[in-house]
Amino acid sequence: MKKSRLIKLHGLTSWRVLLVGLIASVFLVSCGTKRRALEASHRAVKEAQTRTAVPGATSATGISYIEQFKDIAIEEMYRYGIPASIKLAQAILESGNGKSYLATRANNHFGIKCGGSWSGKSVKRPDDTSRDCFRVYSNPEESFRDHSQFLLRKRYEKLFMLKKDDYKGWARGLKEAGYATNPRYPQLLIDLIERYNLHQYDRAEEPVERRARVEHVEEVIEEKEEVFSEPADQQEQVKQPVSMTIYEVKVTDTLSSIAKRYNLTLAEIKALNALDSESVAVGQLLIVSK
């Protein structure tokens, strides 16, 4: 009898052990499933945050514009030390990816006005006054070269002391030297450069190369100062590239809602920013003034 009871007790214990083991397995599987679900959720949130952090989207017109003019920007960088990324970013911003009136009708991609020693063709356009005089070039490359000449003056001389791949230093220096009045001008350039990876076209230089380049630039500037010591009212000027309202896209924004807020049509805001579609990204900088 004792033996029979022991067998029964043993059998009961075994079932209990199995039951406990089964419950534990279910619990562990459940925990593992929950843990994996939680990890997947965290990954999704992180990916969404990463997407949200993108400073701005690129456009097909922007990429096409860069492809078309990167070579002349690189050529001028080697000649004088202006980072190719800076020249391209300024051209993109000023010309609206080559779609502005001055770029399409006058081959003027930097908004450089008449004045100074200019004796070529010109066109009248509203800017500081209703009929400001702007230079007309034979081709866009001529505009890119003239932009270098525009910067080769005392006002911007210290920028040429910077390394020719220091695009952040150049962006801040242009603002400090008075090239543009918008306090966000440096960030606008840096945003464009990093958005389109324009710094890939910049090149570092050895100390010896840098010294030789700086000496050459100083000589060019001195020569220009001696030859073209013009009255203040005839000095060369550039159209204010960012004397316009810039808006940074927020999470809840759509292109349509932004256009409505600034009394623009969808067609107008797309043209101002050379956009091919209505998609915008959080942090993207948009021109919202006519």
C-alpha atoms as a PDB file:
ATOM      1  CA  MET A   1       0.000   0.000   0.000  1.00  0.00           C
ATOM      2  CA  LYS A   2       2.824   2.323   0.942  1.00  0.00           C
ATOM      3  CA  LYS A   3       4.585   1.518  -2.276  1.00  0.00           C
ATOM      4  CA  SER A   4       1.432   2.249  -4.309  1.00  0.00           C
ATOM      5  CA  ARG A   5       0.963   5.593  -2.518  1.00  0.00           C
ATOM      6  CA  LEU A   6       4.585   6.507  -3.169  1.00  0.00           C
ATOM      7  CA  ILE A   7       4.189   5.734  -6.851  1.00  0.00           C
ATOM      8  CA  LYS A   8       1.069   7.912  -6.990  1.00  0.00           C
ATOM      9  CA  LEU A   9       2.816  10.725  -5.126  1.00  0.00           C
ATOM     10  CA  HIS A  10       5.792  10.444  -7.411  1.00  0.00           C
ATOM     11  CA  GLY A  11       3.497  10.546 -10.459  1.00  0.00           C
ATOM     12  CA  LEU A  12       1.685  13.577  -9.060  1.00  0.00           C
ATOM     13  CA  THR A  13       4.992  15.346  -8.399  1.00  0.00           C
ATOM     14  CA  SER A  14       6.171  14.619 -11.918  1.00  0.00           C
ATOM     15  CA  TRP A  15       3.001  16.127 -13.372  1.00  0.00           C
ATOM     16  CA  ARG A  16       3.420  19.174 -11.162  1.00  0.00           C
ATOM     17  CA  VAL A  17       7.006  19.597 -12.333  1.00  0.00           C
ATOM     18  CA  LEU A  18       5.892  19.283 -15.942  1.00  0.00           C
ATOM     19  CA  LEU A  19       3.062  21.763 -15.381  1.00  0.00           C
ATOM     20  CA  VAL A  20       5.385  24.270 -13.717  1.00  0.00           C
ATOM     21  CA  GLY A  21       7.896  23.811 -16.536  1.00  0.00           C
ATOM     22  CA  LEU A  22       5.148  24.325 -19.134  1.00  0.00           C
ATOM     23  CA  ILE A  23       3.928  27.505 -17.416  1.00  0.00           C
ATOM     24  CA  ALA A  24       7.515  28.776 -17.161  1.00  0.00           C
ATOM     25  CA  SER A  25       8.082  28.087 -20.875  1.00  0.00           C
ATOM     26  CA  VAL A  26       4.913  29.925 -21.830  1.00  0.00           C
ATOM     27  CA  PHE A  27       5.940  32.819 -19.578  1.00  0.00           C
ATOM     28  CA  LEU A  28       9.429  32.983 -21.092  1.00  0.00           C
ATOM     29  CA  VAL A  29       8.092  32.807 -24.646  1.00  0.00           C
ATOM     30  CA  SER A  30       5.568  35.498 -23.793  1.00  0.00           C
ATOM     31  CA  CYS A  31       8.297  37.683 -22.263  1.00  0.00           C
ATOM     32  CA  GLY A  32      10.540  37.066 -25.234  1.00  0.00           C
ATOM     33  CA  THR A  33       7.753  38.020 -27.635  1.00  0.00           C
ATOM     34  CA  LYS A  34       7.006  41.158 -25.632  1.00  0.00           C
ATOM     35  CA  ARG A  35      10.703  42.010 -25.456  1.00  0.00           C
ATOM     36  CA  ARG A  36      11.101  41.558 -29.205  1.00  0.00           C
ATOM     37  CA  ALA A  37       7.980  43.633 -29.815  1.00  0.00           C
ATOM     38  CA  LEU A  38       9.323  46.339 -27.500  1.00  0.00           C
ATOM     39  CA  GLU A  39      12.710  46.297 -29.253  1.00  0.00           C
ATOM     40  CA  ALA A  40      10.990  46.524 -32.646  1.00  0.00           C
ATOM     41  CA  SER A  41       8.935  49.452 -31.373  1.00  0.00           C
ATOM     42  CA  HIS A  42      12.088  51.220 -30.127  1.00  0.00           C
ATOM     43  CA  ARG A  43      13.777  50.614 -33.485  1.00  0.00           C
ATOM     44  CA  ALA A  44      10.782  52.081 -35.334  1.00  0.00           C
ATOM     45  CA  VAL A  45      10.806  55.178 -33.099  1.00  0.00           C
ATOM     46  CA  LYS A  46      14.555  55.598 -33.597  1.00  0.00           C
ATOM     47  CA  GLU A  47      14.191  55.289 -37.386  1.00  0.00           C
ATOM     48  CA  ALA A  48      11.383  57.833 -37.363  1.00  0.00           C
ATOM     49  CA  GLN A  49      13.517  60.216 -35.291  1.00  0.00           C
ATOM     50  CA  THR A  50      16.389  59.750 -37.733  1.00  0.00           C
ATOM     51  CA  ARG A  51      14.118  60.534 -40.672  1.00  0.00           C
ATOM     52  CA  THR A  52      12.756  63.572 -38.847  1.00  0.00           C
ATOM     53  CA  ALA A  53      16.287  64.832 -38.207  1.00  0.00           C
ATOM     54  CA  VAL A  54      17.069  65.092 -41.917  1.00  0.00           C
ATOM     55  CA  PRO A  55      17.752  68.824 -42.436  1.00  0.00           C
ATOM     56  CA  GLY A  56      16.158  69.019 -45.856  1.00  0.00           C
ATOM     57  CA  ALA A  57      15.334  67.163 -48.998  1.00  0.00           C
ATOM     58  CA  THR A  58      17.180  67.367 -52.277  1.00  0.00           C
ATOM     59  CA  SER A  59      15.462  68.103 -55.567  1.00  0.00           C
ATOM     60  CA  ALA A  60      16.076  66.791 -59.064  1.00  0.00           C
ATOM     61  CA  THR A  61      16.638  70.354 -60.313  1.00  0.00           C
ATOM     62  CA  GLY A  62      19.194  70.953 -57.561  1.00  0.00           C
ATOM     63  CA  ILE A  63      21.115  67.785 -58.387  1.00  0.00           C
ATOM     64  CA  SER A  64      21.018  68.602 -62.104  1.00  0.00           C
ATOM     65  CA  TYR A  65      22.241  72.151 -61.437  1.00  0.00           C
ATOM     66  CA  ILE A  66      25.181  70.900 -59.358  1.00  0.00           C
ATOM     67  CA  GLU A  67      26.126  68.359 -62.009  1.00  0.00           C
ATOM     68  CA  GLN A  68      26.139  71.102 -64.628  1.00  0.00           C
ATOM     69  CA  PHE A  69      28.303  73.618 -62.743  1.00  0.00           C
ATOM     70  CA  LYS A  70      30.480  71.638 -60.321  1.00  0.00           C
ATOM     71  CA  ASP A  71      33.442  71.640 -62.736  1.00  0.00           C
ATOM     72  CA  ILE A  72      33.643  75.440 -63.034  1.00  0.00           C
ATOM     73  CA  ALA A  73      33.271  75.715 -59.236  1.00  0.00           C
ATOM     74  CA  ILE A  74      36.179  73.295 -58.736  1.00  0.00           C
ATOM     75  CA  GLU A  75      38.250  75.138 -61.349  1.00  0.00           C
ATOM     76  CA  GLU A  76      37.771  78.451 -59.520  1.00  0.00           C
ATOM     77  CA  MET A  77      38.556  76.792 -56.186  1.00  0.00           C
ATOM     78  CA  TYR A  78      41.961  75.682 -57.457  1.00  0.00           C
ATOM     79  CA  ARG A  79      42.591  79.134 -58.897  1.00  0.00           C
ATOM     80  CA  TYR A  80      41.801  81.244 -55.812  1.00  0.00           C
ATOM     81  CA  GLY A  81      40.835  78.983 -52.896  1.00  0.00           C
ATOM     82  CA  ILE A  82      37.092  79.661 -52.701  1.00  0.00           C
ATOM     83  CA  PRO A  83      35.599  76.290 -51.666  1.00  0.00           C
ATOM     84  CA  ALA A  84      33.671  74.745 -54.550  1.00  0.00           C
ATOM     85  CA  SER A  85      30.929  73.891 -52.055  1.00  0.00           C
ATOM     86  CA  ILE A  86      30.518  77.556 -51.074  1.00  0.00           C
ATOM     87  CA  LYS A  87      30.355  78.770 -54.676  1.00  0.00           C
ATOM     88  CA  LEU A  88      27.779  76.106 -55.581  1.00  0.00           C
ATOM     89  CA  ALA A  89      25.661  76.757 -52.465  1.00  0.00           C
ATOM     90  CA  GLN A  90      25.639  80.510 -53.107  1.00  0.00           C
ATOM     91  CA  ALA A  91      24.661  79.936 -56.727  1.00  0.00           C
ATOM     92  CA  ILE A  92      21.871  77.521 -55.755  1.00  0.00           C
ATOM     93  CA  LEU A  93      20.512  79.955 -53.176  1.00  0.00           C
ATOM     94  CA  GLU A  94      20.753  83.071 -55.332  1.00  0.00           C
ATOM     95  CA  SER A  95      19.585  81.587 -58.629  1.00  0.00           C
ATOM     96  CA  GLY A  96      17.004  79.112 -57.308  1.00  0.00           C
ATOM     97  CA  ASN A  97      18.832  76.198 -58.949  1.00  0.00           C
ATOM     98  CA  GLY A  98      19.285  78.280 -62.086  1.00  0.00           C
ATOM     99  CA  LYS A  99      15.559  79.032 -62.429  1.00  0.00           C
ATOM    100  CA  SER A 100      15.557  82.723 -61.435  1.00  0.00           C
ATOM    101  CA  TYR A 101      14.918  85.523 -63.930  1.00  0.00           C
ATOM    102  CA  LEU A 102      18.537  86.738 -63.760  1.00  0.00           C
ATOM    103  CA  ALA A 103      19.924  83.216 -64.242  1.00  0.00           C
ATOM    104  CA  THR A 104      17.687  82.343 -67.199  1.00  0.00           C
ATOM    105  CA  ARG A 105      17.642  85.751 -68.942  1.00  0.00           C
ATOM    106  CA  ALA A 106      21.027  87.224 -68.023  1.00  0.00           C
ATOM    107  CA  ASN A 107      23.185  84.162 -67.153  1.00  0.00           C
ATOM    108  CA  ASN A 108      23.683  85.952 -63.812  1.00  0.00           C
ATOM    109  CA  HIS A 109      23.744  83.220 -61.154  1.00  0.00           C
ATOM    110  CA  PHE A 110      24.940  85.350 -58.215  1.00  0.00           C
ATOM    111  CA  GLY A 111      22.887  88.508 -58.620  1.00  0.00           C
ATOM    112  CA  ILE A 112      25.926  90.733 -59.168  1.00  0.00           C
ATOM    113  CA  LYS A 113      24.951  94.282 -60.018  1.00  0.00           C
ATOM    114  CA  CYS A 114      26.567  96.730 -62.439  1.00  0.00           C
ATOM    115  CA  GLY A 115      28.801  99.426 -60.969  1.00  0.00           C
ATOM    116  CA  GLY A 116      32.528  99.222 -60.606  1.00  0.00           C
ATOM    117  CA  SER A 117      34.360  98.637 -63.853  1.00  0.00           C
ATOM    118  CA  TRP A 118      31.434  96.924 -65.601  1.00  0.00           C
ATOM    119  CA  SER A 119      30.952  98.076 -69.182  1.00  0.00           C
ATOM    120  CA  GLY A 120      29.119  95.054 -70.581  1.00  0.00           C
ATOM    121  CA  LYS A 121      25.422  94.443 -71.176  1.00  0.00           C
ATOM    122  CA  SER A 122      22.963  94.967 -68.338  1.00  0.00           C
ATOM    123  CA  VAL A 123      19.328  94.456 -67.381  1.00  0.00           C
ATOM    124  CA  LYS A 124      17.075  96.428 -65.030  1.00  0.00           C
ATOM    125  CA  ARG A 125      15.306  94.524 -62.266  1.00  0.00           C
ATOM    126  CA  PRO A 126      13.668  95.516 -58.954  1.00  0.00           C
ATOM    127  CA  ASP A 127      15.793  94.938 -55.852  1.00  0.00           C
ATOM    128  CA  ASP A 128      16.874  97.803 -53.555  1.00  0.00           C
ATOM    129  CA  THR A 129      15.134 100.151 -56.003  1.00  0.00           C
ATOM    130  CA  SER A 130      12.522  99.497 -58.666  1.00  0.00           C
ATOM    131  CA  ARG A 131      15.128  99.550 -61.455  1.00  0.00           C
ATOM    132  CA  ASP A 132      18.455  98.196 -60.240  1.00  0.00           C
ATOM    133  CA  CYS A 133      21.142  97.445 -62.828  1.00  0.00           C
ATOM    134  CA  PHE A 134      22.367  93.840 -63.089  1.00  0.00           C
ATOM    135  CA  ARG A 135      25.148  92.374 -65.189  1.00  0.00           C
ATOM    136  CA  VAL A 136      24.383  90.234 -68.226  1.00  0.00           C
ATOM    137  CA  TYR A 137      26.872  87.478 -69.072  1.00  0.00           C
ATOM    138  CA  SER A 138      27.475  85.572 -72.288  1.00  0.00           C
ATOM    139  CA  ASN A 139      27.205  82.254 -70.450  1.00  0.00           C
ATOM    140  CA  PRO A 140      26.818  80.932 -66.877  1.00  0.00           C
ATOM    141  CA  GLU A 141      30.522  80.069 -66.577  1.00  0.00           C
ATOM    142  CA  GLU A 142      31.370  83.742 -67.056  1.00  0.00           C
ATOM    143  CA  SER A 143      29.097  84.500 -64.095  1.00  0.00           C
ATOM    144  CA  PHE A 144      30.885  81.934 -61.927  1.00  0.00           C
ATOM    145  CA  ARG A 145      34.266  83.469 -62.783  1.00  0.00           C
ATOM    146  CA  ASP A 146      33.034  86.996 -62.145  1.00  0.00           C
ATOM    147  CA  HIS A 147      31.782  85.873 -58.721  1.00  0.00           C
ATOM    148  CA  SER A 148      35.405  85.019 -57.842  1.00  0.00           C
ATOM    149  CA  GLN A 149      36.505  88.465 -58.985  1.00  0.00           C
ATOM    150  CA  PHE A 150      33.744  90.022 -56.900  1.00  0.00           C
ATOM    151  CA  LEU A 151      35.134  88.338 -53.776  1.00  0.00           C
ATOM    152  CA  LEU A 152      38.736  89.292 -54.551  1.00  0.00           C
ATOM    153  CA  ARG A 153      38.690  92.560 -52.563  1.00  0.00           C
ATOM    154  CA  LYS A 154      39.807  93.851 -49.190  1.00  0.00           C
ATOM    155  CA  ARG A 155      36.432  93.243 -47.578  1.00  0.00           C
ATOM    156  CA  TYR A 156      36.728  89.478 -48.100  1.00  0.00           C
ATOM    157  CA  GLU A 157      40.519  89.165 -48.031  1.00  0.00           C
ATOM    158  CA  LYS A 158      40.759  87.330 -44.710  1.00  0.00           C
ATOM    159  CA  LEU A 159      38.487  84.569 -46.031  1.00  0.00           C
ATOM    160  CA  PHE A 160      41.221  83.545 -48.446  1.00  0.00           C
ATOM    161  CA  MET A 161      43.471  82.817 -45.458  1.00  0.00           C
ATOM    162  CA  LEU A 162      41.158  79.926 -44.583  1.00  0.00           C
ATOM    163  CA  LYS A 163      41.753  76.424 -45.862  1.00  0.00           C
ATOM    164  CA  LYS A 164      40.006  75.884 -49.164  1.00  0.00           C
ATOM    165  CA  ASP A 165      37.991  73.005 -47.685  1.00  0.00           C
ATOM    166  CA  ASP A 166      36.790  75.035 -44.680  1.00  0.00           C
ATOM    167  CA  TYR A 167      33.255  75.645 -45.931  1.00  0.00           C
ATOM    168  CA  LYS A 168      31.888  76.424 -42.452  1.00  0.00           C
ATOM    169  CA  GLY A 169      34.528  79.105 -41.911  1.00  0.00           C
ATOM    170  CA  TRP A 170      33.715  80.617 -45.305  1.00  0.00           C
ATOM    171  CA  ALA A 171      29.959  80.550 -44.640  1.00  0.00           C
ATOM    172  CA  ARG A 172      30.368  82.436 -41.357  1.00  0.00           C
ATOM    173  CA  GLY A 173      33.025  84.749 -42.785  1.00  0.00           C
ATOM    174  CA  LEU A 174      30.828  85.877 -45.682  1.00  0.00           C
ATOM    175  CA  LYS A 175      28.140  86.961 -43.222  1.00  0.00           C
ATOM    176  CA  GLU A 176      30.678  88.746 -40.990  1.00  0.00           C
ATOM    177  CA  ALA A 177      32.122  90.569 -44.012  1.00  0.00           C
ATOM    178  CA  GLY A 178      28.676  91.884 -44.932  1.00  0.00           C
ATOM    179  CA  TYR A 179      27.914  89.735 -47.980  1.00  0.00           C
ATOM    180  CA  ALA A 180      24.359  89.155 -46.702  1.00  0.00           C
ATOM    181  CA  THR A 181      22.171  90.708 -44.020  1.00  0.00           C
ATOM    182  CA  ASN A 182      20.153  87.644 -43.030  1.00  0.00           C
ATOM    183  CA  PRO A 183      21.491  86.366 -39.669  1.00  0.00           C
ATOM    184  CA  ARG A 184      20.854  82.780 -40.810  1.00  0.00           C
ATOM    185  CA  TYR A 185      22.865  83.139 -44.013  1.00  0.00           C
ATOM    186  CA  PRO A 186      25.755  80.916 -42.798  1.00  0.00           C
ATOM    187  CA  GLN A 187      23.341  78.164 -41.790  1.00  0.00           C
ATOM    188  CA  LEU A 188      21.509  78.402 -45.105  1.00  0.00           C
ATOM    189  CA  LEU A 189      24.767  77.768 -46.968  1.00  0.00           C
ATOM    190  CA  ILE A 190      25.890  75.000 -44.601  1.00  0.00           C
ATOM    191  CA  ASP A 191      22.472  73.331 -44.879  1.00  0.00           C
ATOM    192  CA  LEU A 192      22.667  73.324 -48.688  1.00  0.00           C
ATOM    193  CA  ILE A 193      26.252  72.053 -48.658  1.00  0.00           C
ATOM    194  CA  GLU A 194      25.479  69.165 -46.326  1.00  0.00           C
ATOM    195  CA  ARG A 195      22.105  68.392 -47.885  1.00  0.00           C
ATOM    196  CA  TYR A 196      23.648  67.984 -51.352  1.00  0.00           C
ATOM    197  CA  ASN A 197      27.027  66.715 -50.078  1.00  0.00           C
ATOM    198  CA  LEU A 198      28.749  69.600 -51.873  1.00  0.00           C
ATOM    199  CA  HIS A 199      31.837  69.368 -49.642  1.00  0.00           C
ATOM    200  CA  GLN A 200      32.820  66.284 -51.642  1.00  0.00           C
ATOM    201  CA  TYR A 201      34.102  68.739 -54.279  1.00  0.00           C
ATOM    202  CA  ASP A 202      36.343  70.649 -51.840  1.00  0.00           C
ATOM    203  CA  ARG A 203      40.014  69.752 -51.703  1.00  0.00           C
ATOM    204  CA  ALA A 204      42.507  70.041 -48.873  1.00  0.00           C
ATOM    205  CA  GLU A 205      45.913  71.584 -49.527  1.00  0.00           C
ATOM    206  CA  GLU A 206      49.410  71.301 -48.111  1.00  0.00           C
ATOM    207  CA  PRO A 207      50.738  74.232 -46.015  1.00  0.00           C
ATOM    208  CA  VAL A 208      53.201  75.156 -48.795  1.00  0.00           C
ATOM    209  CA  GLU A 209      50.415  75.228 -51.404  1.00  0.00           C
ATOM    210  CA  ARG A 210      48.235  77.298 -49.105  1.00  0.00           C
ATOM    211  CA  ARG A 211      50.950  79.916 -48.499  1.00  0.00           C
ATOM    212  CA  ALA A 212      51.623  80.243 -52.242  1.00  0.00           C
ATOM    213  CA  ARG A 213      47.890  80.605 -52.967  1.00  0.00           C
ATOM    214  CA  VAL A 214      47.379  83.218 -50.230  1.00  0.00           C
ATOM    215  CA  GLU A 215      50.332  85.255 -51.540  1.00  0.00           C
ATOM    216  CA  HIS A 216      48.917  85.118 -55.067  1.00  0.00           C
ATOM    217  CA  VAL A 217      45.461  86.226 -53.854  1.00  0.00           C
ATOM    218  CA  GLU A 218      46.953  89.128 -51.869  1.00  0.00           C
ATOM    219  CA  GLU A 219      48.782  90.326 -54.984  1.00  0.00           C
ATOM    220  CA  VAL A 220      45.589  90.133 -57.080  1.00  0.00           C
ATOM    221  CA  ILE A 221      43.632  92.108 -54.467  1.00  0.00           C
ATOM    222  CA  GLU A 222      46.353  94.765 -54.193  1.00  0.00           C
ATOM    223  CA  GLU A 223      46.409  95.166 -57.971  1.00  0.00           C
ATOM    224  CA  LYS A 224      42.643  95.532 -58.122  1.00  0.00           C
ATOM    225  CA  GLU A 225      42.666  98.115 -55.324  1.00  0.00           C
ATOM    226  CA  GLU A 226      45.202 100.229 -57.219  1.00  0.00           C
ATOM    227  CA  VAL A 227      43.429 100.006 -60.581  1.00  0.00           C
ATOM    228  CA  PHE A 228      39.808 100.157 -59.442  1.00  0.00           C
ATOM    229  CA  SER A 229      39.708 102.603 -56.547  1.00  0.00           C
ATOM    230  CA  GLU A 230      36.123 103.630 -57.308  1.00  0.00           C
ATOM    231  CA  PRO A 231      33.801 106.011 -55.450  1.00  0.00           C
ATOM    232  CA  ALA A 232      31.530 104.365 -52.871  1.00  0.00           C
ATOM    233  CA  ASP A 233      28.392 104.942 -54.963  1.00  0.00           C
ATOM    234  CA  GLN A 234      29.954 103.103 -57.929  1.00  0.00           C
ATOM    235  CA  GLN A 235      31.318 100.109 -56.051  1.00  0.00           C
ATOM    236  CA  GLU A 236      30.308  96.678 -57.263  1.00  0.00           C
ATOM    237  CA  GLN A 237      27.384  95.241 -55.373  1.00  0.00           C
ATOM    238  CA  VAL A 238      25.626  91.932 -55.206  1.00  0.00           C
ATOM    239  CA  LYS A 239      21.892  91.441 -54.994  1.00  0.00           C
ATOM    240  CA  GLN A 240      21.056  90.604 -51.387  1.00  0.00           C
ATOM    241  CA  PRO A 241      20.748  86.824 -51.688  1.00  0.00           C
ATOM    242  CA  VAL A 242      18.705  86.340 -48.555  1.00  0.00           C
ATOM    243  CA  SER A 243      16.848  89.590 -48.017  1.00  0.00           C
ATOM    244  CA  MET A 244      13.806  87.329 -48.094  1.00  0.00           C
ATOM    245  CA  THR A 245      11.782  85.432 -45.527  1.00  0.00           C
ATOM    246  CA  ILE A 246      13.028  81.911 -44.817  1.00  0.00           C
ATOM    247  CA  TYR A 247      10.765  79.320 -43.160  1.00  0.00           C
ATOM    248  CA  GLU A 248      11.890  76.097 -41.481  1.00  0.00           C
ATOM    249  CA  VAL A 249       9.483  73.187 -42.022  1.00  0.00           C
ATOM    250  CA  LYS A 250       7.873  71.806 -38.832  1.00  0.00           C
ATOM    251  CA  VAL A 251       6.474  68.323 -38.124  1.00  0.00           C
ATOM    252  CA  THR A 252       2.829  69.175 -38.890  1.00  0.00           C
ATOM    253  CA  ASP A 253       3.538  71.285 -42.003  1.00  0.00           C
ATOM    254  CA  THR A 254       2.628  70.560 -45.587  1.00  0.00           C
ATOM    255  CA  LEU A 255       3.733  72.629 -48.554  1.00  0.00           C
ATOM    256  CA  SER A 256       0.126  73.698 -49.041  1.00  0.00           C
ATOM    257  CA  SER A 257      -0.280  74.901 -45.429  1.00  0.00           C
ATOM    258  CA  ILE A 258       3.004  76.849 -45.603  1.00  0.00           C
ATOM    259  CA  ALA A 259       1.990  78.493 -48.890  1.00  0.00           C
ATOM    260  CA  LYS A 260      -1.363  79.484 -47.424  1.00  0.00           C
ATOM    261  CA  ARG A 261       0.287  80.963 -44.314  1.00  0.00           C
ATOM    262  CA  TYR A 262       2.425  83.281 -46.455  1.00  0.00           C
ATOM    263  CA  ASN A 263      -0.247  84.118 -49.047  1.00  0.00           C
ATOM    264  CA  LEU A 264       1.451  82.144 -51.806  1.00  0.00           C
ATOM    265  CA  THR A 265       0.004  79.727 -54.312  1.00  0.00           C
ATOM    266  CA  LEU A 266       1.438  76.224 -54.529  1.00  0.00           C
ATOM    267  CA  ALA A 267       2.916  77.092 -57.922  1.00  0.00           C
ATOM    268  CA  GLU A 268       4.620  80.192 -56.459  1.00  0.00           C
ATOM    269  CA  ILE A 269       6.209  78.447 -53.469  1.00  0.00           C
ATOM    270  CA  LYS A 270       7.410  75.583 -55.683  1.00  0.00           C
ATOM    271  CA  ALA A 271       8.933  78.044 -58.153  1.00  0.00           C
ATOM    272  CA  LEU A 272      10.614  80.066 -55.385  1.00  0.00           C
ATOM    273  CA  ASN A 273      12.281  76.923 -54.045  1.00  0.00           C
ATOM    274  CA  ALA A 274      12.721  75.050 -57.346  1.00  0.00           C
ATOM    275  CA  LEU A 275      10.674  72.111 -56.041  1.00  0.00           C
ATOM    276  CA  ASP A 276       9.522  69.309 -58.315  1.00  0.00           C
ATOM    277  CA  SER A 277       6.884  67.974 -55.916  1.00  0.00           C
ATOM    278  CA  GLU A 278       4.883  68.969 -52.837  1.00  0.00           C
ATOM    279  CA  SER A 279       6.881  66.769 -50.450  1.00  0.00           C
ATOM    280  CA  VAL A 280       8.852  68.572 -47.735  1.00  0.00           C
ATOM    281  CA  ALA A 281      11.019  67.331 -44.857  1.00  0.00           C
ATOM    282  CA  VAL A 282      11.176  68.508 -41.263  1.00  0.00           C
ATOM    283  CA  GLY A 283      13.920  71.117 -40.922  1.00  0.00           C
ATOM    284  CA  GLN A 284      13.902  71.973 -44.625  1.00  0.00           C
ATOM    285  CA  LEU A 285      14.476  75.686 -45.286  1.00  0.00           C
ATOM    286  CA  LEU A 286      12.030  77.298 -47.710  1.00  0.00           C
ATOM    287  CA  ILE A 287      11.936  80.769 -49.235  1.00  0.00           C
ATOM    288  CA  VAL A 288       8.440  82.121 -48.538  1.00  0.00           C
ATOM    289  CA  SER A 289       8.614  85.706 -49.783  1.00  0.00           C
ATOM    290  CA  LYS A 290       8.192  86.857 -53.376  1.00  0.00           C
END
